[in-house]
Amino acid sequence: MGRGEASGRSPPSILSLIRGMFADPGQRVTAVGAWTIAFTGGAVVGALLGGALLEFFWWGSVFLVNPLFMVVLVVAAPLVVPESRDPRPGGFDLPGAAIFLVAVLALVYAARAWPNMGSRVGTWASRWSARSSSRCSWSAEDGSRVRGSTS
C-alpha cells in the first residue's frame, strides 16, 4: 500500500513545487510539460525495467530499485529544490482529516470483513470510501469553506 500511496501523493506535491518555483507562466508551462514527460517516461521505463528484473533475477529484485532512486533524491533535493513556504499557512483541516479517516476505516473494514461477509461488505465500504474521498477532494479544493475563512 505504501508504494501506491506514494504514487498518489507525488503528483500534487510535485506540481505544487513547480508552481512555487516558476512564477513566470511560460516557464511553468515548460516545467509542467517536462514533468509530464518524465512522469510518463518513468511509468514506461519502470514497467520495462521491472519485466527485465523479473526475467533475469529473483522476484524481490523489483523492490530494490526504488530505494536507490530515493537515496539520490534525498541527497539531491536539498541542493536543487529551493526552500518555499506559504506566508499565510492555513490551520489544520480537522473536517478533512475526519472524512479521510472515515474513508480509510471503511476500506480497512472491507478488507478485514471480506472473507466472512463476501461482496456485500465490499460494496458498502467502497460506496462509503468513494463518498468520503469525494468530500476530501472538495475540502482540499475549497479549503476556505472548510476552515471557516472568509477570504
Protein backbone atom coordinates (compact mmCIF):
# COMPACT_ATOMS: atom_id res chain seq x y z
CA MET A 1 0.00 0.00 0.00
CA GLY A 2 2.93 2.35 0.69
CA ARG A 3 4.12 2.41 -2.92
CA GLY A 4 0.63 3.11 -4.21
CA GLU A 5 0.08 5.81 -1.65
CA ALA A 6 3.37 7.47 -2.55
CA SER A 7 2.47 7.32 -6.21
CA GLY A 8 -0.83 9.00 -5.48
CA ARG A 9 0.68 11.73 -3.33
CA SER A 10 3.63 12.56 -5.56
CA PRO A 11 1.94 14.41 -8.46
CA PRO A 12 0.14 17.06 -6.34
CA SER A 13 3.29 17.69 -4.31
CA ILE A 14 5.48 17.99 -7.39
CA LEU A 15 3.02 20.27 -9.15
CA SER A 16 2.88 22.42 -6.03
CA LEU A 17 6.67 22.70 -6.08
CA ILE A 18 6.59 23.63 -9.76
CA ARG A 19 4.01 26.33 -9.08
CA GLY A 20 6.17 27.79 -6.32
CA MET A 21 9.43 27.59 -8.25
CA PHE A 22 8.25 29.00 -11.58
CA ALA A 23 6.39 32.29 -11.23
CA ASP A 24 6.51 33.05 -14.98
CA PRO A 25 3.57 31.29 -16.73
CA GLY A 26 5.74 30.40 -19.75
CA GLN A 27 8.37 28.75 -17.59
CA ARG A 28 5.67 26.99 -15.59
CA VAL A 29 4.13 25.51 -18.74
CA THR A 30 7.54 24.23 -19.82
CA ALA A 31 8.22 22.79 -16.35
CA VAL A 32 4.84 21.01 -16.22
CA GLY A 33 5.47 19.63 -19.70
CA ALA A 34 8.92 18.36 -18.72
CA TRP A 35 7.50 16.81 -15.55
CA THR A 36 4.72 15.12 -17.54
CA ILE A 37 7.23 13.63 -19.97
CA ALA A 38 9.43 12.43 -17.09
CA PHE A 39 6.45 11.01 -15.17
CA THR A 40 5.10 9.17 -18.22
CA GLY A 41 8.56 8.01 -19.26
CA GLY A 42 9.16 6.73 -15.74
CA ALA A 43 6.00 4.65 -15.93
CA VAL A 44 7.09 3.13 -19.24
CA VAL A 45 10.71 2.55 -18.22
CA GLY A 46 9.59 1.23 -14.83
CA ALA A 47 7.40 -1.41 -16.45
CA LEU A 48 10.18 -2.45 -18.81
CA LEU A 49 12.81 -2.48 -16.06
CA GLY A 50 10.51 -4.46 -13.78
CA GLY A 51 9.92 -7.02 -16.54
CA ALA A 52 13.64 -7.33 -17.20
CA LEU A 53 14.39 -7.76 -13.48
CA LEU A 54 11.71 -10.45 -13.20
CA GLU A 55 13.07 -12.21 -16.25
CA PHE A 56 16.68 -12.37 -15.09
CA PHE A 57 16.65 -12.04 -11.27
CA TRP A 58 14.66 -13.12 -8.24
CA TRP A 59 11.19 -11.56 -7.87
CA GLY A 60 12.18 -9.38 -4.90
CA SER A 61 14.71 -7.51 -7.04
CA VAL A 62 11.94 -5.22 -8.29
CA PHE A 63 11.70 -3.76 -4.78
CA LEU A 64 15.39 -2.86 -4.70
CA VAL A 65 15.16 -0.24 -7.45
CA ASN A 66 13.13 2.40 -5.59
CA PRO A 67 15.47 2.75 -2.60
CA LEU A 68 18.31 3.63 -4.99
CA PHE A 69 16.26 6.44 -6.51
CA MET A 70 15.17 7.63 -3.06
CA VAL A 71 18.78 7.89 -1.83
CA VAL A 72 19.64 10.03 -4.86
CA LEU A 73 16.50 12.14 -4.30
CA VAL A 74 17.14 12.67 -0.59
CA VAL A 75 20.72 13.76 -1.28
CA ALA A 76 19.98 15.92 -4.35
CA ALA A 77 16.67 17.59 -3.41
CA PRO A 78 18.04 19.95 -0.73
CA LEU A 79 20.72 21.08 -3.17
CA VAL A 80 18.44 21.58 -6.18
CA VAL A 81 14.97 22.48 -4.88
CA PRO A 82 14.73 25.93 -3.28
CA GLU A 83 13.00 26.40 0.07
CA SER A 84 9.46 27.77 -0.22
CA ARG A 85 6.91 28.48 2.48
CA ASP A 86 3.42 29.85 2.45
CA PRO A 87 3.50 33.28 4.13
CA ARG A 88 -0.03 32.64 5.47
CA PRO A 89 -0.25 28.91 6.17
CA GLY A 90 -3.70 27.52 6.84
CA GLY A 91 -4.62 25.71 10.00
CA PHE A 92 -5.16 22.01 10.44
CA ASP A 93 -8.12 20.79 8.39
CA LEU A 94 -10.00 18.83 11.05
CA PRO A 95 -13.13 18.12 8.93
CA GLY A 96 -10.98 16.95 6.02
CA ALA A 97 -8.92 14.72 8.32
CA ALA A 98 -12.09 13.23 9.80
CA ILE A 99 -13.54 12.50 6.37
CA PHE A 100 -10.27 10.94 5.26
CA LEU A 101 -10.24 8.79 8.40
CA VAL A 102 -13.77 7.54 7.60
CA ALA A 103 -12.66 6.66 4.05
CA VAL A 104 -9.60 4.73 5.22
CA LEU A 105 -11.50 2.95 8.00
CA ALA A 106 -14.18 1.88 5.50
CA LEU A 107 -11.53 0.33 3.28
CA VAL A 108 -9.82 -1.39 6.22
CA TYR A 109 -13.17 -2.70 7.44
CA ALA A 110 -13.94 -4.05 3.99
CA ALA A 111 -10.57 -5.77 3.75
CA ARG A 112 -10.97 -7.36 7.19
CA ALA A 113 -14.63 -8.38 6.79
CA TRP A 114 -14.47 -9.60 3.19
CA PRO A 115 -13.65 -13.25 3.99
CA ASN A 116 -16.65 -13.56 6.34
CA MET A 117 -19.30 -11.43 4.64
CA GLY A 118 -18.44 -11.65 0.97
CA SER A 119 -19.08 -8.92 -1.57
CA ARG A 120 -21.86 -7.23 0.46
CA VAL A 121 -19.34 -5.52 2.72
CA GLY A 122 -17.10 -4.63 -0.21
CA THR A 123 -19.95 -2.83 -1.94
CA TRP A 124 -20.87 -0.96 1.24
CA ALA A 125 -17.30 0.03 2.05
CA SER A 126 -16.47 1.09 -1.48
CA ARG A 127 -19.52 3.38 -1.54
CA TRP A 128 -18.55 4.98 1.78
CA SER A 129 -14.95 5.29 0.72
CA ALA A 130 -15.92 6.90 -2.59
CA ARG A 131 -18.21 9.36 -0.81
CA SER A 132 -15.55 10.22 1.74
CA SER A 133 -12.87 10.58 -0.93
CA SER A 134 -15.03 12.95 -2.94
CA ARG A 135 -15.60 15.00 0.20
CA CYS A 136 -11.84 15.03 0.87
CA SER A 137 -11.30 16.32 -2.66
CA TRP A 138 -13.93 19.01 -2.14
CA SER A 139 -12.39 20.12 1.13
CA ALA A 140 -8.91 20.19 -0.42
CA GLU A 141 -10.08 22.27 -3.39
CA ASP A 142 -12.14 24.66 -1.33
CA GLY A 143 -10.30 24.76 1.97
CA SER A 144 -11.55 28.25 2.77
CA ARG A 145 -15.07 26.91 3.38
CA VAL A 146 -13.81 24.04 5.48
CA ARG A 147 -11.60 26.21 7.70
CA GLY A 148 -14.26 28.86 8.04
CA SER A 149 -12.12 31.57 6.45
CA THR A 150 -13.89 34.48 4.81
CA SER A 151 -11.08 35.33 2.38
